[in-house]
Protein backbone atom coordinates (compact mmCIF):
# COMPACT_ATOMS: atom_id res chain seq x y z
CA UNK A 1 0.00 0.00 0.00
CA UNK A 2 1.21 3.47 -0.88
CA UNK A 3 0.42 6.67 1.03
CA UNK A 4 -1.66 7.84 -1.92
CA UNK A 5 -3.78 4.67 -1.61
CA UNK A 6 -4.60 5.73 1.96
CA UNK A 7 -5.55 9.21 0.75
CA UNK A 8 -7.66 7.79 -2.09
CA UNK A 9 -9.57 5.66 0.42
CA UNK A 10 -10.24 8.76 2.49
CA UNK A 11 -11.43 10.53 -0.65
CA UNK A 12 -14.15 7.88 -0.97
CA UNK A 13 -15.45 8.90 2.45
CA UNK A 14 -15.17 12.60 1.60
CA UNK A 15 -17.12 12.06 -1.65
CA UNK A 16 -19.84 10.23 0.30
CA UNK A 17 -19.89 13.08 2.82
CA UNK A 18 -20.38 15.53 -0.07
CA UNK A 19 -23.37 13.47 -1.27
CA UNK A 20 -24.81 13.55 2.27
CA UNK A 21 -24.24 17.31 2.43
CA UNK A 22 -25.99 17.72 -0.93
CA UNK A 23 -28.94 15.70 0.38
CA UNK A 24 -29.10 17.88 3.48
CA UNK A 25 -29.16 20.96 1.24
CA UNK A 26 -32.04 19.45 -0.74
CA UNK A 27 -33.93 18.77 2.49
CA UNK A 28 -33.48 22.40 3.56
CA UNK A 29 -34.50 23.72 0.15
CA UNK A 30 -37.67 21.64 0.09
CA UNK A 31 -38.62 22.46 3.68
CA UNK A 32 -37.89 19.02 5.09
CA UNK A 33 -36.38 18.77 8.54
CA UNK A 34 -32.70 18.15 9.24
CA UNK A 35 -31.88 17.10 12.79
CA UNK A 36 -29.49 19.52 14.52
CA UNK A 37 -27.31 16.61 15.68
CA UNK A 38 -26.86 15.57 12.03
CA UNK A 39 -25.54 19.05 11.24
CA UNK A 40 -23.24 18.98 14.25
CA UNK A 41 -21.83 15.56 13.47
CA UNK A 42 -21.34 16.49 9.80
CA UNK A 43 -19.39 19.59 10.83
CA UNK A 44 -17.33 17.43 13.16
CA UNK A 45 -16.61 15.09 10.23
CA UNK A 46 -15.53 18.02 8.05
CA UNK A 47 -13.33 19.53 10.76
CA UNK A 48 -11.80 16.34 12.18
CA UNK A 49 -11.78 13.72 9.41
CA UNK A 50 -11.39 15.97 6.38
CA UNK A 51 -9.26 18.76 7.81
CA UNK A 52 -7.34 17.51 10.86
CA UNK A 53 -6.74 14.03 9.47
CA UNK A 54 -6.80 14.08 5.67
CA UNK A 55 -5.54 17.60 5.00
CA UNK A 56 -2.85 17.27 7.68
CA UNK A 57 -1.54 14.17 5.94
CA UNK A 58 -1.32 16.14 2.71
CA UNK A 59 -0.20 19.60 3.85
CA UNK A 60 2.18 18.68 6.66
CA UNK A 61 3.66 15.48 5.24
CA UNK A 62 2.99 14.67 1.57
CA UNK A 63 3.31 18.15 0.04
CA UNK A 64 6.67 18.94 1.69
CA UNK A 65 8.07 15.54 0.65
CA UNK A 66 7.06 16.19 -2.93
CA UNK A 67 8.65 19.64 -2.89
CA UNK A 68 11.79 18.26 -1.24
CA UNK A 69 12.03 15.63 -3.98
CA UNK A 70 12.14 18.45 -6.54
CA UNK A 71 9.27 17.08 -8.59
CA UNK A 72 8.66 19.44 -11.49
CA UNK A 73 5.31 21.21 -11.09
CA UNK A 74 4.75 19.91 -7.56
CA UNK A 75 5.33 23.22 -5.79
CA UNK A 76 2.75 25.09 -7.86
CA UNK A 77 0.25 22.25 -7.54
CA UNK A 78 0.65 21.86 -3.77
CA UNK A 79 0.38 25.64 -3.32
CA UNK A 80 -2.89 25.66 -5.28
CA UNK A 81 -4.25 22.67 -3.33
CA UNK A 82 -3.30 24.26 0.01
CA UNK A 83 -5.18 27.42 -0.97
CA UNK A 84 -8.23 25.29 -1.77
CA UNK A 85 -7.94 23.57 1.63
CA UNK A 86 -7.98 27.02 3.28
CA UNK A 87 -10.98 28.05 1.23
CA UNK A 88 -12.75 24.86 2.34
CA UNK A 89 -12.00 25.70 5.98
CA UNK A 90 -13.68 29.08 5.48
CA UNK A 91 -16.82 27.45 4.08
CA UNK A 92 -16.95 24.98 6.97
CA UNK A 93 -16.50 27.82 9.46
CA UNK A 94 -19.43 29.71 7.92
CA UNK A 95 -21.59 26.57 7.94
CA UNK A 96 -20.69 25.92 11.58
CA UNK A 97 -21.50 29.52 12.56
CA UNK A 98 -24.90 29.36 10.83
CA UNK A 99 -25.71 25.97 12.39
CA UNK A 100 -24.76 27.19 15.88
CA UNK A 101 -27.36 29.98 15.75
CA UNK A 102 -30.59 29.45 17.67
CA UNK A 103 -33.10 27.66 15.47
CA UNK A 104 -35.31 30.72 14.90
CA UNK A 105 -32.24 32.71 13.78
CA UNK A 106 -30.47 29.92 11.91
CA UNK A 107 -29.43 31.09 8.46
CA UNK A 108 -30.58 28.15 6.36
CA UNK A 109 -29.72 29.99 3.16
CA UNK A 110 -26.20 30.59 4.53
CA UNK A 111 -25.87 26.89 5.30
CA UNK A 112 -27.02 25.89 1.81
CA UNK A 113 -24.94 28.54 0.03
CA UNK A 114 -21.71 27.61 1.82
CA UNK A 115 -22.42 23.88 1.64
CA UNK A 116 -22.94 24.07 -2.12
CA UNK A 117 -19.75 26.15 -2.48
CA UNK A 118 -17.87 23.54 -0.41
CA UNK A 119 -19.17 20.75 -2.65
CA UNK A 120 -18.24 22.71 -5.79
CA UNK A 121 -14.75 23.33 -4.38
CA UNK A 122 -13.95 19.81 -3.21
CA UNK A 123 -15.30 17.85 -6.17
CA UNK A 124 -12.73 19.12 -8.72
CA UNK A 125 -10.14 19.42 -5.93
CA UNK A 126 -10.31 15.68 -5.30
CA UNK A 127 -10.04 15.02 -9.04
CA UNK A 128 -6.96 17.25 -9.22
CA UNK A 129 -5.31 15.32 -6.40
CA UNK A 130 -6.22 11.89 -7.77
CA UNK A 131 -5.34 12.63 -11.40
CA UNK A 132 -2.33 14.94 -10.99
CA UNK A 133 -0.83 14.97 -7.50
CA UNK A 134 -1.05 11.31 -6.53
CA UNK A 135 0.39 9.94 -9.79
CA UNK A 136 3.36 12.31 -9.34
CA UNK A 137 3.90 11.08 -5.80
CA UNK A 138 3.59 7.44 -6.85
CA UNK A 139 6.23 7.82 -9.57
CA UNK A 140 8.74 10.21 -8.04
CA UNK A 141 8.78 9.57 -4.27
CA UNK A 142 11.25 6.90 -3.22
CA UNK A 143 10.06 3.66 -1.65
CA UNK A 144 11.66 4.71 1.66
CA UNK A 145 9.85 8.06 1.61
CA UNK A 146 6.55 6.37 0.81
CA UNK A 147 7.00 3.90 3.67
CA UNK A 148 7.85 6.75 6.06
CA UNK A 149 4.74 8.63 4.91
CA UNK A 150 2.53 5.59 5.52
CA UNK A 151 3.86 5.26 9.06
CA UNK A 152 3.30 8.97 9.63
CA UNK A 153 -0.25 8.74 8.28
CA UNK A 154 -1.01 5.97 10.79
CA UNK A 155 0.37 8.14 13.58
CA UNK A 156 -1.81 11.06 12.45
CA UNK A 157 -4.89 8.84 12.68
CA UNK A 158 -4.13 7.51 16.14
CA UNK A 159 -2.56 10.60 17.72
CA UNK A 160 -4.50 13.46 16.14
CA UNK A 161 -7.99 12.07 15.74
CA UNK A 162 -7.70 9.17 18.19
CA UNK A 163 -7.77 5.39 17.96
CA UNK A 164 -10.96 4.04 16.40
CA UNK A 165 -12.32 7.47 15.38
CA UNK A 166 -11.69 6.80 11.69
CA UNK A 167 -13.95 3.74 11.86
CA UNK A 168 -16.58 5.61 13.92
CA UNK A 169 -16.71 8.35 11.30
CA UNK A 170 -17.14 5.81 8.50
CA UNK A 171 -19.95 4.00 10.34
CA UNK A 172 -21.76 7.28 11.04
CA UNK A 173 -21.28 8.44 7.47
CA UNK A 174 -22.89 5.31 6.02
CA UNK A 175 -25.84 5.76 8.39
CA UNK A 176 -26.27 9.36 7.20
CA UNK A 177 -25.95 8.27 3.58
CA UNK A 178 -29.02 6.07 4.05
CA UNK A 179 -30.95 9.11 5.26
CA UNK A 180 -29.68 11.88 2.96
CA UNK A 181 -27.67 10.63 -0.01
CA UNK A 182 -29.44 9.72 -3.20
CA UNK A 183 -28.25 6.45 -4.71
CA UNK A 184 -25.65 7.06 -7.39
CA UNK A 185 -26.64 6.31 -10.92
CA UNK A 186 -24.08 5.47 -13.52
CA UNK A 187 -24.72 5.92 -17.21
């Protein structure tokens, strides 16, 4: 297993989360109820799983290794991806602020607007990582560097988000997908 395989697996969860978020937006737009605890747990997923776990693995460990390796084009790409991570944090912060308002003052349009922007940001962002960044890392990072990154990624999961949290997030996410995510259709 390569470090990029670990990140690709996490992308699957992030993509499912985006489908759940889209379903929540549809519920809001059509006047259907969304439980406050679902909002809160989704924000926790975005802040802990996506940002503290996944983005930390990329920004703190993978990106610097790629730049250190002198991979042509890596510095510009990682800079662009880091900016997108920061933009995503801003959307999540706005969603969290709107969700934390008392129900009668909750800005549902703010939640939907920032959620949709987050979805529109992360969808091509993930494609950019999977189709450009990860293939570069797979080809140009040494076996030793890749092994070190994998060990570091495991440490991030256990030390930053805590043992077993990854699995808890996945279990919760699949439960929410049954409630909010439309089944995917493939043509």
